[in-house]
């Protein structure tokens, strides 16, 4: 029997890549979207062309009633759930002194509230069906680091990583594994001139991730090969948060100075 997954924010970017990767590995897919219906339909048709089943569900994951309606429709269509991927999120930033209540509400509702209540709905469905499953939450490497203008986004991603541990300890008894991944800079098609491109050379790997690379990590984590991984948050950022003081940028010959015996 085919496995079934529900992916939030599945119409583009990392979410789209996850949908296609899972479909290629044998999953039937529910594709959630909010404002990109035409893109969601394109992804749906791509899944169908792979010989898998796909349905689309428009829902604002920042609204619990819409989450409940989405799960009702999804259950009517597929009847079961093996994998929930809470991918939907927004990357929005502002200096602390300029951040608004609207910005705070938008990021918290979509990223944090959506992850929490989609996890709850997925767990209820899996438990009711006495069906083991996996839930993957999307955090970010900003959960551990402090980027300027990310005083809302960063703490929200940290909350998702911490929540993953709480959900994992409660749901493991039902055979439900809850995990998180924390991607770094991922090339989702930023236009030329976007300041984000200035970060590329500062990353130890000297490049951005592709959405497909992140999707392949998800595909591996949900396999039985990782059945003993519970509550973990896997960092995938090319080493972006490793430097503290970037000594490699200093005009210093470390081989002849820093490693020499101290003279007294």
Protein backbone atom coordinates (compact mmCIF):
# COMPACT_ATOMS: atom_id res chain seq x y z
CA UNK A 1 0.00 0.00 0.00
CA UNK A 2 1.24 3.51 -0.85
CA UNK A 3 2.24 5.85 1.92
CA UNK A 4 0.50 9.21 2.21
CA UNK A 5 1.99 12.59 3.10
CA UNK A 6 0.59 16.06 3.69
CA UNK A 7 2.96 18.97 2.99
CA UNK A 8 2.13 22.54 3.99
CA UNK A 9 3.44 25.31 1.76
CA UNK A 10 3.93 22.73 -0.97
CA UNK A 11 3.45 24.91 -4.04
CA UNK A 12 6.96 26.36 -4.33
CA UNK A 13 10.47 26.49 -2.91
CA UNK A 14 11.53 23.84 -0.41
CA UNK A 15 7.95 22.61 -0.04
CA UNK A 16 7.63 21.92 -3.76
CA UNK A 17 10.93 20.05 -3.76
CA UNK A 18 9.78 17.93 -0.81
CA UNK A 19 6.52 17.07 -2.58
CA UNK A 20 8.34 15.94 -5.72
CA UNK A 21 11.03 14.02 -3.82
CA UNK A 22 8.47 12.13 -1.76
CA UNK A 23 6.29 11.41 -4.79
CA UNK A 24 9.34 10.00 -6.59
CA UNK A 25 9.93 7.68 -3.63
CA UNK A 26 6.35 6.36 -3.69
CA UNK A 27 4.17 8.70 -1.62
CA UNK A 28 0.73 9.96 -2.51
CA UNK A 29 0.65 13.65 -1.58
CA UNK A 30 -1.69 16.25 -0.15
CA UNK A 31 -0.39 19.69 -1.17
CA UNK A 32 -1.34 22.63 1.01
CA UNK A 33 -1.07 26.18 -0.35
CA UNK A 34 -2.53 29.56 0.43
CA UNK A 35 -1.84 32.15 -2.28
CA UNK A 36 -0.28 30.24 -5.19
CA UNK A 37 -3.06 28.04 -6.49
CA UNK A 38 -1.70 27.86 -10.03
CA UNK A 39 1.69 26.69 -8.76
CA UNK A 40 0.03 24.12 -6.50
CA UNK A 41 -1.85 22.75 -9.50
CA UNK A 42 1.40 22.49 -11.47
CA UNK A 43 3.00 20.50 -8.66
CA UNK A 44 -0.10 18.30 -8.44
CA UNK A 45 0.12 17.48 -12.13
CA UNK A 46 3.83 16.72 -11.80
CA UNK A 47 3.05 14.21 -9.04
CA UNK A 48 0.30 12.61 -11.11
CA UNK A 49 2.70 12.25 -14.04
CA UNK A 50 4.93 10.20 -11.71
CA UNK A 51 2.06 7.78 -11.26
CA UNK A 52 1.17 8.97 -7.75
CA UNK A 53 -2.03 10.49 -6.43
CA UNK A 54 -2.12 14.17 -5.44
CA UNK A 55 -4.74 16.63 -4.16
CA UNK A 56 -4.44 20.32 -3.33
CA UNK A 57 -5.83 22.07 -0.24
CA UNK A 58 -6.06 25.82 0.11
CA UNK A 59 -5.82 26.76 3.77
CA UNK A 60 -4.28 29.45 5.94
CA UNK A 61 -2.29 27.41 8.46
CA UNK A 62 -2.28 30.41 10.77
CA UNK A 63 -6.00 29.84 11.39
CA UNK A 64 -7.00 26.76 13.36
CA UNK A 65 -10.45 26.45 11.79
CA UNK A 66 -8.85 26.30 8.34
CA UNK A 67 -6.38 23.66 9.54
CA UNK A 68 -9.30 21.58 10.84
CA UNK A 69 -11.17 21.96 7.54
CA UNK A 70 -8.05 21.00 5.57
CA UNK A 71 -7.56 17.83 7.62
CA UNK A 72 -11.23 16.94 7.22
CA UNK A 73 -10.96 17.20 3.44
CA UNK A 74 -7.63 15.40 3.41
CA UNK A 75 -9.02 12.52 5.48
CA UNK A 76 -12.03 12.22 3.17
CA UNK A 77 -9.69 12.02 0.17
CA UNK A 78 -6.91 9.77 1.46
CA UNK A 79 -8.26 8.15 4.62
CA UNK A 80 -4.84 7.83 6.24
CA UNK A 81 -1.68 9.80 7.03
CA UNK A 82 1.89 8.49 7.24
CA UNK A 83 3.85 11.74 7.09
CA UNK A 84 3.19 15.37 7.97
CA UNK A 85 5.70 18.00 6.86
CA UNK A 86 5.17 21.43 8.42
CA UNK A 87 6.98 23.47 5.80
CA UNK A 88 4.76 26.55 5.44
CA UNK A 89 6.51 29.68 6.60
CA UNK A 90 7.39 33.24 5.75
CA UNK A 91 10.82 34.88 5.72
CA UNK A 92 10.12 38.42 6.88
CA UNK A 93 12.52 40.72 8.68
CA UNK A 94 12.65 44.17 10.24
CA UNK A 95 14.88 46.01 12.71
CA UNK A 96 13.69 45.61 16.30
CA UNK A 97 12.85 49.33 16.54
CA UNK A 98 10.73 49.16 13.39
CA UNK A 99 8.93 45.80 13.77
CA UNK A 100 5.14 46.03 13.87
CA UNK A 101 2.46 44.01 15.58
CA UNK A 102 1.25 42.90 12.14
CA UNK A 103 4.69 41.52 11.27
CA UNK A 104 4.88 39.76 14.65
CA UNK A 105 1.43 38.20 14.14
CA UNK A 106 2.15 37.12 10.56
CA UNK A 107 5.38 35.28 11.35
CA UNK A 108 4.09 33.74 14.57
CA UNK A 109 0.78 32.65 13.06
CA UNK A 110 2.12 31.03 9.91
CA UNK A 111 5.40 29.57 11.13
CA UNK A 112 4.76 28.79 14.80
CA UNK A 113 1.01 28.53 15.28
CA UNK A 114 0.64 26.65 12.00
CA UNK A 115 3.34 24.15 12.94
CA UNK A 116 1.84 23.59 16.38
CA UNK A 117 -1.74 22.98 15.33
CA UNK A 118 -0.91 21.01 12.17
CA UNK A 119 1.23 18.76 14.36
CA UNK A 120 -1.70 18.40 16.75
CA UNK A 121 -4.13 17.56 13.94
CA UNK A 122 -1.73 15.08 12.35
CA UNK A 123 -1.08 13.38 15.69
CA UNK A 124 -4.79 13.08 16.43
CA UNK A 125 -5.37 11.45 13.04
CA UNK A 126 -2.47 9.02 13.40
CA UNK A 127 -3.46 8.07 16.96
CA UNK A 128 -7.11 7.55 16.01
CA UNK A 129 -6.05 5.24 13.21
CA UNK A 130 -3.54 3.45 15.47
CA UNK A 131 -1.11 4.27 12.72
CA UNK A 132 2.60 4.95 13.22
CA UNK A 133 3.87 7.98 11.38
CA UNK A 134 6.43 10.76 11.11
CA UNK A 135 6.07 14.52 11.58
CA UNK A 136 8.81 16.82 10.25
CA UNK A 137 8.94 20.48 11.30
CA UNK A 138 10.89 23.15 9.43
CA UNK A 139 13.03 25.29 11.70
CA UNK A 140 16.05 27.30 10.50
CA UNK A 141 19.70 27.75 11.36
CA UNK A 142 18.57 31.10 12.74
CA UNK A 143 17.28 29.22 15.77
CA UNK A 144 20.90 29.17 16.95
CA UNK A 145 22.29 32.37 15.50
CA UNK A 146 21.52 36.07 15.62
CA UNK A 147 21.02 37.73 12.27
CA UNK A 148 20.22 41.46 12.35
CA UNK A 149 16.51 42.19 11.70
CA UNK A 150 15.50 38.63 12.75
CA UNK A 151 14.29 39.37 16.29
CA UNK A 152 10.91 37.77 15.44
CA UNK A 153 11.87 35.16 12.86
CA UNK A 154 14.81 33.71 14.81
CA UNK A 155 12.96 33.16 18.11
CA UNK A 156 10.01 31.63 16.24
CA UNK A 157 12.32 29.08 14.59
CA UNK A 158 13.89 28.36 17.99
CA UNK A 159 10.40 27.75 19.37
CA UNK A 160 9.70 25.25 16.58
CA UNK A 161 12.89 23.33 17.38
CA UNK A 162 12.03 23.25 21.10
CA UNK A 163 8.42 22.29 20.40
CA UNK A 164 9.65 19.37 18.30
CA UNK A 165 11.24 17.87 21.41
CA UNK A 166 8.06 18.30 23.46
CA UNK A 167 5.90 16.78 20.73
CA UNK A 168 8.37 13.94 20.29
CA UNK A 169 8.34 12.89 23.95
CA UNK A 170 4.54 12.86 24.06
CA UNK A 171 3.96 11.08 20.75
CA UNK A 172 6.72 8.47 20.75
CA UNK A 173 4.50 6.12 22.79
CA UNK A 174 2.14 5.99 19.82
CA UNK A 175 4.89 5.12 17.37
CA UNK A 176 4.96 8.66 15.99
CA UNK A 177 8.40 10.15 15.38
CA UNK A 178 8.68 13.94 15.47
CA UNK A 179 11.78 15.58 14.00
CA UNK A 180 12.88 18.98 12.77
CA UNK A 181 15.32 20.19 10.17
CA UNK A 182 17.05 23.56 10.25
CA UNK A 183 18.05 24.68 6.75
CA UNK A 184 20.32 27.64 6.15
CA UNK A 185 20.47 29.75 3.02
CA UNK A 186 18.58 27.86 0.32
CA UNK A 187 18.33 29.09 -3.25
CA UNK A 188 14.62 29.56 -3.84
CA UNK A 189 15.09 31.89 -6.79
CA UNK A 190 16.14 35.19 -5.26
CA UNK A 191 16.40 37.87 -7.96
CA UNK A 192 19.75 39.35 -8.86
CA UNK A 193 20.46 42.35 -6.68
CA UNK A 194 18.90 40.82 -3.58
CA UNK A 195 21.31 41.48 -0.68
CA UNK A 196 21.12 37.82 0.30
CA UNK A 197 23.58 37.03 -2.50
CA UNK A 198 26.28 38.86 -0.55
CA UNK A 199 26.24 36.04 2.02
CA UNK A 200 27.33 33.28 -0.36
CA UNK A 201 31.09 33.79 -0.08
CA UNK A 202 30.87 33.98 3.72
CA UNK A 203 29.47 30.46 3.96
CA UNK A 204 32.23 27.87 4.45
CA UNK A 205 30.82 25.80 1.56
CA UNK A 206 30.77 28.95 -0.62
CA UNK A 207 27.31 28.26 -1.99
CA UNK A 208 23.64 28.09 -1.11
CA UNK A 209 21.71 24.85 -0.71
CA UNK A 210 19.29 23.78 -3.39
CA UNK A 211 15.69 22.96 -2.40
CA UNK A 212 16.32 19.45 -3.71
CA UNK A 213 19.15 18.94 -1.21
CA UNK A 214 16.83 19.81 1.66
CA UNK A 215 14.12 17.57 0.24
CA UNK A 216 16.49 14.61 0.03
CA UNK A 217 17.28 15.00 3.73
CA UNK A 218 13.54 14.80 4.50
CA UNK A 219 13.20 11.71 2.35
CA UNK A 220 16.00 9.98 4.25
CA UNK A 221 14.77 11.02 7.70
CA UNK A 222 11.32 9.53 7.16
CA UNK A 223 12.72 6.18 6.09
CA UNK A 224 13.04 3.19 8.40
CA UNK A 225 16.82 3.67 8.33
CA UNK A 226 16.28 6.54 10.79
CA UNK A 227 13.62 4.86 12.92
CA UNK A 228 15.56 5.49 16.15
CA UNK A 229 15.89 9.25 15.57
CA UNK A 230 13.29 11.04 17.71
CA UNK A 231 13.10 14.71 18.73
CA UNK A 232 16.25 15.73 16.88
CA UNK A 233 16.71 18.92 14.89
CA UNK A 234 19.15 18.44 12.02
CA UNK A 235 21.16 21.49 10.92
CA UNK A 236 21.66 21.79 7.15
CA UNK A 237 23.41 25.06 6.40
CA UNK A 238 26.77 24.42 4.73
CA UNK A 239 28.55 25.50 7.90
CA UNK A 240 27.05 29.00 7.80
CA UNK A 241 26.86 29.43 11.58
CA UNK A 242 30.24 27.87 12.38
CA UNK A 243 32.42 31.02 12.30
CA UNK A 244 32.44 33.15 15.43
CA UNK A 245 35.30 35.47 14.62
CA UNK A 246 36.19 34.81 11.02
CA UNK A 247 39.92 34.38 11.45
CA UNK A 248 40.29 33.37 7.82
CA UNK A 249 39.40 36.96 6.90
CA UNK A 250 42.20 38.42 9.01
CA UNK A 251 45.48 39.43 7.42
CA UNK A 252 47.49 37.10 9.65
CA UNK A 253 49.86 34.25 8.95
CA UNK A 254 48.44 31.82 11.49
CA UNK A 255 50.84 29.05 10.60
CA UNK A 256 53.85 31.06 11.75
CA UNK A 257 52.39 33.15 14.56
CA UNK A 258 49.45 31.55 16.31
CA UNK A 259 51.10 28.16 16.42
CA UNK A 260 54.52 29.34 17.59
CA UNK A 261 55.63 28.78 21.21
CA UNK A 262 55.09 31.80 23.42
CA UNK A 263 58.29 33.70 24.10
CA UNK A 264 58.83 34.98 27.63
